[in-house]
Amino acid sequence: MTYIAYLWVLLAAVLWGTTGTAQSFFEGTAHPLSIGAFRLAIGGFSLLFFVLAARKLSVRSIPWPAAILSAISMALFQPLFFSAVQLTGIAIGTVVAIGSAPVLTGMIEWVALKKKPDRVWGIATLLALGGCVLLFANKGQQLVDPAGIAMALGAGFSFAVYALVSKNVLKTMETVSAVAVIFSLSACCLLPFLLFFDLSYAIVPVNSALLVYLGIGATSLSYVLFSYGLKKIPSSSAVTLSLAEPLTAAVLGVLVVGEALSGLSWIGVMLLLCGIIVLTIGRRKKLSPA
């Protein structure tokens, strides 16, 4: 059933939300961009090895223009997001980047694909965006850098393009093979960045294990789940559900890292949950026969 697709996307967002908690356990100094490059390389190349070994990949079946554009979009998301966070702070950078993605996806679908967003998506997105803003309220971020905001919007746009274009790849390829190709190409775009960072942290056993988890669990597995869902539901809805990522990160921050949330942030948590419930339940009712 189609509503199961919403569950796959939601589970993917939950896995993405574990990345911040995982990174908090790194020993030593690790640049976020190098972690992003390792994530894509481990996730993409491991899936590529699997599909090649299983003989599930045919080069002739790859829609190269869409696959390359999807890979570039995902590769661009990493430096844009991390640069935005560095310039304008974690809270503002995250809210603008992740929060703008659903709106931009809906706008692109409306303008380019002539798919006007419906009322369920609109209500759910407004609730989730409001929750995202409140969740990161009172984080002590004072700097609002115009360049950082522009990069955060660029990151949101990159993710929106990935969600829309990768859907075309999924129409002609099996899900795991599509994700393997896209993320392997994306990793190739980012691997040169590793030449500019100190990578000694990666040989520490704890850090190596965390990198493997980020690559396999929070990248390859999560994007396979996201892609399974993306095959069945509108891109705008899938990206709205991805707002469960900051929700998961906030809850894990409290339960695992020992962070404290303000009353305003807890209201944000509830609004995010309401947005997710409205989208999933509302869509399910819409799909049910009268």
C-alpha atoms as a PDB file:
ATOM      1  CA  MET A   1       0.000   0.000   0.000  1.00  0.00           C
ATOM      2  CA  THR A   2       1.094   3.552  -0.697  1.00  0.00           C
ATOM      3  CA  TYR A   3       0.957   4.669   2.935  1.00  0.00           C
ATOM      4  CA  ILE A   4       3.760   2.173   3.678  1.00  0.00           C
ATOM      5  CA  ALA A   5       5.941   4.390   1.477  1.00  0.00           C
ATOM      6  CA  TYR A   6       5.477   7.184   3.997  1.00  0.00           C
ATOM      7  CA  LEU A   7       6.812   4.858   6.691  1.00  0.00           C
ATOM      8  CA  TRP A   8       9.941   4.101   4.631  1.00  0.00           C
ATOM      9  CA  VAL A   9      10.666   7.812   4.193  1.00  0.00           C
ATOM     10  CA  LEU A  10      10.023   8.437   7.881  1.00  0.00           C
ATOM     11  CA  LEU A  11      12.436   5.659   8.882  1.00  0.00           C
ATOM     12  CA  ALA A  12      15.047   7.144   6.537  1.00  0.00           C
ATOM     13  CA  ALA A  13      14.681  10.534   8.229  1.00  0.00           C
ATOM     14  CA  VAL A  14      15.074   8.895  11.646  1.00  0.00           C
ATOM     15  CA  LEU A  15      18.351   7.322  10.483  1.00  0.00           C
ATOM     16  CA  TRP A  16      19.543  10.695   9.165  1.00  0.00           C
ATOM     17  CA  GLY A  17      18.717  12.163  12.551  1.00  0.00           C
ATOM     18  CA  THR A  18      21.242   9.865  14.237  1.00  0.00           C
ATOM     19  CA  THR A  19      24.205  11.442  12.438  1.00  0.00           C
ATOM     20  CA  GLY A  20      24.637  14.323  14.871  1.00  0.00           C
ATOM     21  CA  THR A  21      24.581  11.998  17.865  1.00  0.00           C
ATOM     22  CA  ALA A  22      27.056   9.658  16.182  1.00  0.00           C
ATOM     23  CA  GLN A  23      29.414  12.541  15.387  1.00  0.00           C
ATOM     24  CA  SER A  24      29.353  13.651  19.024  1.00  0.00           C
ATOM     25  CA  PHE A  25      31.206  10.425  19.919  1.00  0.00           C
ATOM     26  CA  PHE A  26      34.124  11.056  17.556  1.00  0.00           C
ATOM     27  CA  GLU A  27      37.498  11.196  19.275  1.00  0.00           C
ATOM     28  CA  GLY A  28      39.746  14.064  18.233  1.00  0.00           C
ATOM     29  CA  THR A  29      39.016  16.667  15.578  1.00  0.00           C
ATOM     30  CA  ALA A  30      37.117  15.658  12.461  1.00  0.00           C
ATOM     31  CA  HIS A  31      36.034  18.219   9.877  1.00  0.00           C
ATOM     32  CA  PRO A  32      32.335  17.724   9.035  1.00  0.00           C
ATOM     33  CA  LEU A  33      33.025  17.930   5.298  1.00  0.00           C
ATOM     34  CA  SER A  34      35.527  15.079   5.479  1.00  0.00           C
ATOM     35  CA  ILE A  35      32.951  13.042   7.404  1.00  0.00           C
ATOM     36  CA  GLY A  36      30.432  13.805   4.656  1.00  0.00           C
ATOM     37  CA  ALA A  37      32.863  12.620   1.991  1.00  0.00           C
ATOM     38  CA  PHE A  38      33.588   9.408   3.904  1.00  0.00           C
ATOM     39  CA  ARG A  39      29.841   8.827   4.378  1.00  0.00           C
ATOM     40  CA  LEU A  40      29.109   9.045   0.671  1.00  0.00           C
ATOM     41  CA  ALA A  41      32.136   6.939  -0.269  1.00  0.00           C
ATOM     42  CA  ILE A  42      31.421   4.142   2.204  1.00  0.00           C
ATOM     43  CA  GLY A  43      27.690   4.147   1.525  1.00  0.00           C
ATOM     44  CA  GLY A  44      27.892   4.471  -2.237  1.00  0.00           C
ATOM     45  CA  PHE A  45      30.801   2.147  -2.951  1.00  0.00           C
ATOM     46  CA  SER A  46      29.550  -0.592  -0.597  1.00  0.00           C
ATOM     47  CA  LEU A  47      26.195  -0.632  -2.382  1.00  0.00           C
ATOM     48  CA  LEU A  48      27.919  -0.540  -5.762  1.00  0.00           C
ATOM     49  CA  PHE A  49      30.068  -3.538  -4.812  1.00  0.00           C
ATOM     50  CA  PHE A  50      26.939  -5.401  -3.686  1.00  0.00           C
ATOM     51  CA  VAL A  51      24.923  -4.808  -6.862  1.00  0.00           C
ATOM     52  CA  LEU A  52      27.921  -5.616  -9.069  1.00  0.00           C
ATOM     53  CA  ALA A  53      28.615  -8.842  -7.161  1.00  0.00           C
ATOM     54  CA  ALA A  54      24.934  -9.789  -7.409  1.00  0.00           C
ATOM     55  CA  ARG A  55      24.895  -8.835 -11.103  1.00  0.00           C
ATOM     56  CA  LYS A  56      21.944  -6.529 -10.534  1.00  0.00           C
ATOM     57  CA  LEU A  57      23.385  -3.547 -12.365  1.00  0.00           C
ATOM     58  CA  SER A  58      23.261  -2.978 -16.083  1.00  0.00           C
ATOM     59  CA  VAL A  59      25.145   0.077 -17.294  1.00  0.00           C
ATOM     60  CA  ARG A  60      22.780   0.357 -20.244  1.00  0.00           C
ATOM     61  CA  SER A  61      19.817   0.784 -17.871  1.00  0.00           C
ATOM     62  CA  ILE A  62      21.277   3.895 -16.207  1.00  0.00           C
ATOM     63  CA  PRO A  63      19.599   7.180 -17.228  1.00  0.00           C
ATOM     64  CA  TRP A  64      22.902   9.043 -17.120  1.00  0.00           C
ATOM     65  CA  PRO A  65      21.691  12.688 -17.271  1.00  0.00           C
ATOM     66  CA  ALA A  66      19.304  12.200 -14.330  1.00  0.00           C
ATOM     67  CA  ALA A  67      21.802  10.069 -12.385  1.00  0.00           C
ATOM     68  CA  ILE A  68      24.612  12.602 -12.817  1.00  0.00           C
ATOM     69  CA  LEU A  69      22.374  15.552 -11.865  1.00  0.00           C
ATOM     70  CA  SER A  70      21.160  13.650  -8.776  1.00  0.00           C
ATOM     71  CA  ALA A  71      24.763  12.882  -7.797  1.00  0.00           C
ATOM     72  CA  ILE A  72      25.884  16.486  -8.256  1.00  0.00           C
ATOM     73  CA  SER A  73      22.916  17.727  -6.214  1.00  0.00           C
ATOM     74  CA  MET A  74      23.753  15.395  -3.331  1.00  0.00           C
ATOM     75  CA  ALA A  75      27.458  16.275  -3.540  1.00  0.00           C
ATOM     76  CA  LEU A  76      26.691  20.018  -3.491  1.00  0.00           C
ATOM     77  CA  PHE A  77      24.423  19.612  -0.471  1.00  0.00           C
ATOM     78  CA  GLN A  78      27.359  18.552   1.730  1.00  0.00           C
ATOM     79  CA  PRO A  79      29.697  21.591   1.387  1.00  0.00           C
ATOM     80  CA  LEU A  80      26.796  24.058   1.159  1.00  0.00           C
ATOM     81  CA  PHE A  81      25.190  22.772   4.355  1.00  0.00           C
ATOM     82  CA  PHE A  82      28.412  22.511   6.342  1.00  0.00           C
ATOM     83  CA  SER A  83      29.566  25.950   5.156  1.00  0.00           C
ATOM     84  CA  ALA A  84      26.196  27.452   6.107  1.00  0.00           C
ATOM     85  CA  VAL A  85      26.428  25.961   9.592  1.00  0.00           C
ATOM     86  CA  GLN A  86      29.976  27.285   9.967  1.00  0.00           C
ATOM     87  CA  LEU A  87      29.057  30.801   8.842  1.00  0.00           C
ATOM     88  CA  THR A  88      25.703  31.338  10.515  1.00  0.00           C
ATOM     89  CA  GLY A  89      25.518  28.707  13.275  1.00  0.00           C
ATOM     90  CA  ILE A  90      24.012  25.257  13.683  1.00  0.00           C
ATOM     91  CA  ALA A  91      20.490  26.390  14.559  1.00  0.00           C
ATOM     92  CA  ILE A  92      19.948  28.959  11.819  1.00  0.00           C
ATOM     93  CA  GLY A  93      21.853  26.945   9.211  1.00  0.00           C
ATOM     94  CA  THR A  94      19.844  23.799   9.946  1.00  0.00           C
ATOM     95  CA  VAL A  95      16.471  25.542  10.042  1.00  0.00           C
ATOM     96  CA  VAL A  96      17.051  27.368   6.745  1.00  0.00           C
ATOM     97  CA  ALA A  97      18.595  24.396   4.907  1.00  0.00           C
ATOM     98  CA  ILE A  98      16.302  21.599   6.073  1.00  0.00           C
ATOM     99  CA  GLY A  99      13.267  23.843   6.486  1.00  0.00           C
ATOM    100  CA  SER A 100      13.501  25.375   3.015  1.00  0.00           C
ATOM    101  CA  ALA A 101      13.769  22.026   1.226  1.00  0.00           C
ATOM    102  CA  PRO A 102      10.052  21.050   1.458  1.00  0.00           C
ATOM    103  CA  VAL A 103       8.919  24.500   0.328  1.00  0.00           C
ATOM    104  CA  LEU A 104      11.376  24.580  -2.565  1.00  0.00           C
ATOM    105  CA  THR A 105      10.392  21.047  -3.610  1.00  0.00           C
ATOM    106  CA  GLY A 106       6.720  21.976  -3.643  1.00  0.00           C
ATOM    107  CA  MET A 107       7.458  25.142  -5.640  1.00  0.00           C
ATOM    108  CA  ILE A 108       9.545  23.253  -8.215  1.00  0.00           C
ATOM    109  CA  GLU A 109       6.826  20.599  -8.582  1.00  0.00           C
ATOM    110  CA  TRP A 110       4.232  23.340  -9.040  1.00  0.00           C
ATOM    111  CA  VAL A 111       6.185  25.507 -11.510  1.00  0.00           C
ATOM    112  CA  ALA A 112       8.173  22.926 -13.475  1.00  0.00           C
ATOM    113  CA  LEU A 113       6.028  19.799 -13.220  1.00  0.00           C
ATOM    114  CA  LYS A 114       2.607  21.501 -13.004  1.00  0.00           C
ATOM    115  CA  LYS A 115       1.756  19.539  -9.835  1.00  0.00           C
ATOM    116  CA  LYS A 116      -0.024  21.940  -7.521  1.00  0.00           C
ATOM    117  CA  PRO A 117       0.558  21.022  -3.834  1.00  0.00           C
ATOM    118  CA  ASP A 118      -2.646  20.005  -2.060  1.00  0.00           C
ATOM    119  CA  ARG A 119      -4.057  21.229   1.247  1.00  0.00           C
ATOM    120  CA  VAL A 120      -2.802  18.236   3.261  1.00  0.00           C
ATOM    121  CA  TRP A 121       0.782  18.912   2.187  1.00  0.00           C
ATOM    122  CA  GLY A 122       0.399  22.651   2.873  1.00  0.00           C
ATOM    123  CA  ILE A 123      -0.924  22.183   6.426  1.00  0.00           C
ATOM    124  CA  ALA A 124       1.641  19.490   7.252  1.00  0.00           C
ATOM    125  CA  THR A 125       4.522  21.568   5.884  1.00  0.00           C
ATOM    126  CA  LEU A 126       3.471  24.690   7.812  1.00  0.00           C
ATOM    127  CA  LEU A 127       3.212  22.708  11.054  1.00  0.00           C
ATOM    128  CA  ALA A 128       6.560  21.002  10.482  1.00  0.00           C
ATOM    129  CA  LEU A 129       8.338  24.238   9.533  1.00  0.00           C
ATOM    130  CA  GLY A 130       6.939  26.016  12.572  1.00  0.00           C
ATOM    131  CA  GLY A 131       8.058  23.128  14.741  1.00  0.00           C
ATOM    132  CA  CYS A 132      11.530  23.174  13.186  1.00  0.00           C
ATOM    133  CA  VAL A 133      11.927  26.893  13.940  1.00  0.00           C
ATOM    134  CA  LEU A 134      10.789  26.501  17.558  1.00  0.00           C
ATOM    135  CA  LEU A 135      12.913  23.392  18.041  1.00  0.00           C
ATOM    136  CA  PHE A 136      16.071  25.381  17.366  1.00  0.00           C
ATOM    137  CA  ALA A 137      14.925  28.466  19.275  1.00  0.00           C
ATOM    138  CA  ASN A 138      17.002  29.667  22.229  1.00  0.00           C
ATOM    139  CA  LYS A 139      20.161  27.946  20.992  1.00  0.00           C
ATOM    140  CA  GLY A 140      22.286  30.999  21.586  1.00  0.00           C
ATOM    141  CA  GLN A 141      22.928  31.655  17.909  1.00  0.00           C
ATOM    142  CA  GLN A 142      23.540  35.375  17.407  1.00  0.00           C
ATOM    143  CA  LEU A 143      25.121  35.476  13.955  1.00  0.00           C
ATOM    144  CA  VAL A 144      22.939  35.820  10.870  1.00  0.00           C
ATOM    145  CA  ASP A 145      25.405  35.862   8.002  1.00  0.00           C
ATOM    146  CA  PRO A 146      23.889  36.650   4.553  1.00  0.00           C
ATOM    147  CA  ALA A 147      26.396  34.363   2.825  1.00  0.00           C
ATOM    148  CA  GLY A 148      25.544  31.605   5.302  1.00  0.00           C
ATOM    149  CA  ILE A 149      21.812  32.033   4.665  1.00  0.00           C
ATOM    150  CA  ALA A 150      22.430  31.899   0.907  1.00  0.00           C
ATOM    151  CA  MET A 151      24.440  28.685   1.282  1.00  0.00           C
ATOM    152  CA  ALA A 152      21.740  27.164   3.505  1.00  0.00           C
ATOM    153  CA  LEU A 153      19.121  27.973   0.871  1.00  0.00           C
ATOM    154  CA  GLY A 154      21.463  26.445  -1.711  1.00  0.00           C
ATOM    155  CA  ALA A 155      21.642  23.289   0.404  1.00  0.00           C
ATOM    156  CA  GLY A 156      17.853  23.156   0.633  1.00  0.00           C
ATOM    157  CA  PHE A 157      17.581  23.652  -3.125  1.00  0.00           C
ATOM    158  CA  SER A 158      20.177  20.910  -3.747  1.00  0.00           C
ATOM    159  CA  PHE A 159      18.207  18.420  -1.661  1.00  0.00           C
ATOM    160  CA  ALA A 160      14.983  19.425  -3.402  1.00  0.00           C
ATOM    161  CA  VAL A 161      16.583  18.838  -6.812  1.00  0.00           C
ATOM    162  CA  TYR A 162      17.935  15.478  -5.631  1.00  0.00           C
ATOM    163  CA  ALA A 163      14.482  14.358  -4.476  1.00  0.00           C
ATOM    164  CA  LEU A 164      12.846  15.400  -7.754  1.00  0.00           C
ATOM    165  CA  VAL A 165      15.484  14.212 -10.225  1.00  0.00           C
ATOM    166  CA  SER A 166      16.320  10.924  -8.491  1.00  0.00           C
ATOM    167  CA  LYS A 167      12.655  10.001  -8.882  1.00  0.00           C
ATOM    168  CA  ASN A 168      13.300   9.817 -12.630  1.00  0.00           C
ATOM    169  CA  VAL A 169      16.250   7.483 -12.032  1.00  0.00           C
ATOM    170  CA  LEU A 170      14.042   5.250  -9.889  1.00  0.00           C
ATOM    171  CA  LYS A 171      11.523   4.926 -12.725  1.00  0.00           C
ATOM    172  CA  THR A 172      14.014   3.020 -14.876  1.00  0.00           C
ATOM    173  CA  MET A 173      16.285   1.346 -12.308  1.00  0.00           C
ATOM    174  CA  GLU A 174      15.901  -0.985  -9.333  1.00  0.00           C
ATOM    175  CA  THR A 175      16.073   1.011  -6.097  1.00  0.00           C
ATOM    176  CA  VAL A 176      19.319  -0.352  -4.609  1.00  0.00           C
ATOM    177  CA  SER A 177      21.124  -0.108  -7.951  1.00  0.00           C
ATOM    178  CA  ALA A 178      19.931   3.470  -8.440  1.00  0.00           C
ATOM    179  CA  VAL A 179      21.132   4.561  -5.001  1.00  0.00           C
ATOM    180  CA  ALA A 180      24.459   2.755  -5.524  1.00  0.00           C
ATOM    181  CA  VAL A 181      25.114   4.571  -8.803  1.00  0.00           C
ATOM    182  CA  ILE A 182      24.018   8.013  -7.578  1.00  0.00           C
ATOM    183  CA  PHE A 183      26.008   7.905  -4.350  1.00  0.00           C
ATOM    184  CA  SER A 184      29.113   6.416  -5.939  1.00  0.00           C
ATOM    185  CA  LEU A 185      29.118   9.256  -8.457  1.00  0.00           C
ATOM    186  CA  SER A 186      28.460  11.735  -5.657  1.00  0.00           C
ATOM    187  CA  ALA A 187      31.348  10.317  -3.614  1.00  0.00           C
ATOM    188  CA  CYS A 188      33.676  10.771  -6.592  1.00  0.00           C
ATOM    189  CA  CYS A 189      32.745  14.470  -6.580  1.00  0.00           C
ATOM    190  CA  LEU A 190      33.683  14.886  -2.910  1.00  0.00           C
ATOM    191  CA  LEU A 191      36.715  12.612  -2.520  1.00  0.00           C
ATOM    192  CA  PRO A 192      39.153  15.329  -3.732  1.00  0.00           C
ATOM    193  CA  PHE A 193      38.168  17.394  -0.667  1.00  0.00           C
ATOM    194  CA  LEU A 194      39.834  14.764   1.536  1.00  0.00           C
ATOM    195  CA  LEU A 195      43.208  16.006   0.291  1.00  0.00           C
ATOM    196  CA  PHE A 196      42.727  19.243   2.250  1.00  0.00           C
ATOM    197  CA  PHE A 197      41.956  17.775   5.684  1.00  0.00           C
ATOM    198  CA  ASP A 198      43.773  15.926   8.423  1.00  0.00           C
ATOM    199  CA  LEU A 199      42.383  12.384   8.207  1.00  0.00           C
ATOM    200  CA  SER A 200      44.334  10.828  11.065  1.00  0.00           C
ATOM    201  CA  TYR A 201      41.146  10.659  13.124  1.00  0.00           C
ATOM    202  CA  ALA A 202      39.786   8.001  10.753  1.00  0.00           C
ATOM    203  CA  ILE A 203      42.265   5.333  11.917  1.00  0.00           C
ATOM    204  CA  VAL A 204      41.076   5.541  15.544  1.00  0.00           C
ATOM    205  CA  PRO A 205      38.988   2.356  16.087  1.00  0.00           C
ATOM    206  CA  VAL A 206      35.981   4.167  17.566  1.00  0.00           C
ATOM    207  CA  ASN A 207      35.996   6.706  14.753  1.00  0.00           C
ATOM    208  CA  SER A 208      36.352   3.997  12.106  1.00  0.00           C
ATOM    209  CA  ALA A 209      33.312   2.192  13.511  1.00  0.00           C
ATOM    210  CA  LEU A 210      31.324   5.435  13.539  1.00  0.00           C
ATOM    211  CA  LEU A 211      32.276   6.185   9.940  1.00  0.00           C
ATOM    212  CA  VAL A 212      31.127   2.716   8.893  1.00  0.00           C
ATOM    213  CA  TYR A 213      27.801   3.280  10.655  1.00  0.00           C
ATOM    214  CA  LEU A 214      27.382   6.708   9.060  1.00  0.00           C
ATOM    215  CA  GLY A 215      28.157   5.245   5.643  1.00  0.00           C
ATOM    216  CA  ILE A 216      26.066   2.077   5.883  1.00  0.00           C
ATOM    217  CA  GLY A 217      23.252   2.917   8.304  1.00  0.00           C
ATOM    218  CA  ALA A 218      22.809   6.668   7.960  1.00  0.00           C
ATOM    219  CA  THR A 219      23.571   6.839   4.237  1.00  0.00           C
ATOM    220  CA  SER A 220      23.173   3.709   2.106  1.00  0.00           C
ATOM    221  CA  LEU A 221      20.359   2.074   4.125  1.00  0.00           C
ATOM    222  CA  SER A 222      18.568   5.345   4.817  1.00  0.00           C
ATOM    223  CA  TYR A 223      18.629   6.499   1.196  1.00  0.00           C
ATOM    224  CA  VAL A 224      17.499   3.093  -0.032  1.00  0.00           C
ATOM    225  CA  LEU A 225      14.494   3.413   2.301  1.00  0.00           C
ATOM    226  CA  PHE A 226      13.947   7.011   1.181  1.00  0.00           C
ATOM    227  CA  SER A 227      14.087   5.919  -2.472  1.00  0.00           C
ATOM    228  CA  TYR A 228      11.626   3.067  -1.921  1.00  0.00           C
ATOM    229  CA  GLY A 229       9.198   5.614  -0.517  1.00  0.00           C
ATOM    230  CA  LEU A 230       9.999   8.203  -3.166  1.00  0.00           C
ATOM    231  CA  LYS A 231       8.883   5.768  -5.859  1.00  0.00           C
ATOM    232  CA  LYS A 232       5.338   5.803  -4.499  1.00  0.00           C
ATOM    233  CA  ILE A 233       4.710   9.291  -3.103  1.00  0.00           C
ATOM    234  CA  PRO A 234       5.172  12.896  -4.321  1.00  0.00           C
ATOM    235  CA  SER A 235       8.652  14.346  -3.869  1.00  0.00           C
ATOM    236  CA  SER A 236       7.217  17.282  -1.912  1.00  0.00           C
ATOM    237  CA  SER A 237       5.630  14.937   0.635  1.00  0.00           C
ATOM    238  CA  ALA A 238       8.823  12.882   0.956  1.00  0.00           C
ATOM    239  CA  VAL A 239      10.909  15.996   1.638  1.00  0.00           C
ATOM    240  CA  THR A 240       8.384  17.263   4.198  1.00  0.00           C
ATOM    241  CA  LEU A 241       8.681  13.948   6.052  1.00  0.00           C
ATOM    242  CA  SER A 242      12.458  14.424   6.057  1.00  0.00           C
ATOM    243  CA  LEU A 243      11.861  17.075   8.724  1.00  0.00           C
ATOM    244  CA  ALA A 244      11.706  14.123  11.109  1.00  0.00           C
ATOM    245  CA  GLU A 245      15.518  14.326  10.923  1.00  0.00           C
ATOM    246  CA  PRO A 246      15.910  17.335  13.275  1.00  0.00           C
ATOM    247  CA  LEU A 247      13.151  15.893  15.454  1.00  0.00           C
ATOM    248  CA  THR A 248      15.116  12.648  15.864  1.00  0.00           C
ATOM    249  CA  ALA A 249      18.334  14.569  16.458  1.00  0.00           C
ATOM    250  CA  ALA A 250      16.699  16.615  19.206  1.00  0.00           C
ATOM    251  CA  VAL A 251      15.208  13.580  20.974  1.00  0.00           C
ATOM    252  CA  LEU A 252      18.497  11.666  20.796  1.00  0.00           C
ATOM    253  CA  GLY A 253      20.311  14.737  22.083  1.00  0.00           C
ATOM    254  CA  VAL A 254      18.146  14.585  25.194  1.00  0.00           C
ATOM    255  CA  LEU A 255      18.139  10.811  25.686  1.00  0.00           C
ATOM    256  CA  VAL A 256      21.721   9.956  24.671  1.00  0.00           C
ATOM    257  CA  VAL A 257      23.904  13.053  24.824  1.00  0.00           C
ATOM    258  CA  GLY A 258      22.198  14.572  27.858  1.00  0.00           C
ATOM    259  CA  GLU A 259      21.165  17.861  26.275  1.00  0.00           C
ATOM    260  CA  ALA A 260      18.235  19.866  27.641  1.00  0.00           C
ATOM    261  CA  LEU A 261      15.375  21.307  25.586  1.00  0.00           C
ATOM    262  CA  SER A 262      13.529  24.475  26.519  1.00  0.00           C
ATOM    263  CA  GLY A 263       9.750  24.611  26.786  1.00  0.00           C
ATOM    264  CA  LEU A 264       9.651  26.376  23.417  1.00  0.00           C
ATOM    265  CA  SER A 265      11.708  23.594  21.846  1.00  0.00           C
ATOM    266  CA  TRP A 266       9.332  20.945  23.218  1.00  0.00           C
ATOM    267  CA  ILE A 267       6.451  22.831  21.585  1.00  0.00           C
ATOM    268  CA  GLY A 268       8.477  22.618  18.376  1.00  0.00           C
ATOM    269  CA  VAL A 269       8.778  18.850  18.847  1.00  0.00           C
ATOM    270  CA  MET A 270       5.013  18.554  19.189  1.00  0.00           C
ATOM    271  CA  LEU A 271       4.390  20.697  16.081  1.00  0.00           C
ATOM    272  CA  LEU A 272       6.818  18.579  14.066  1.00  0.00           C
ATOM    273  CA  LEU A 273       5.034  15.443  15.208  1.00  0.00           C
ATOM    274  CA  CYS A 274       1.678  16.984  14.302  1.00  0.00           C
ATOM    275  CA  GLY A 275       2.962  17.845  10.828  1.00  0.00           C
ATOM    276  CA  ILE A 276       4.155  14.289  10.257  1.00  0.00           C
ATOM    277  CA  ILE A 277       0.860  12.841  11.537  1.00  0.00           C
ATOM    278  CA  VAL A 278      -1.217  15.183   9.364  1.00  0.00           C
ATOM    279  CA  LEU A 279       0.769  14.222   6.270  1.00  0.00           C
ATOM    280  CA  THR A 280       0.692  10.460   6.825  1.00  0.00           C
ATOM    281  CA  ILE A 281      -2.874  10.146   8.167  1.00  0.00           C
ATOM    282  CA  GLY A 282      -4.242  12.757   5.766  1.00  0.00           C
ATOM    283  CA  ARG A 283      -2.696  11.015   2.761  1.00  0.00           C
ATOM    284  CA  ARG A 284      -3.924   7.631   3.958  1.00  0.00           C
ATOM    285  CA  LYS A 285      -7.490   8.897   4.218  1.00  0.00           C
ATOM    286  CA  LYS A 286      -7.188  10.496   0.809  1.00  0.00           C
ATOM    287  CA  LEU A 287      -6.040   7.194  -0.673  1.00  0.00           C
ATOM    288  CA  SER A 288      -8.784   5.161   1.032  1.00  0.00           C
ATOM    289  CA  PRO A 289     -11.937   4.400  -0.981  1.00  0.00           C
ATOM    290  CA  ALA A 290     -14.996   6.426  -0.085  1.00  0.00           C
END
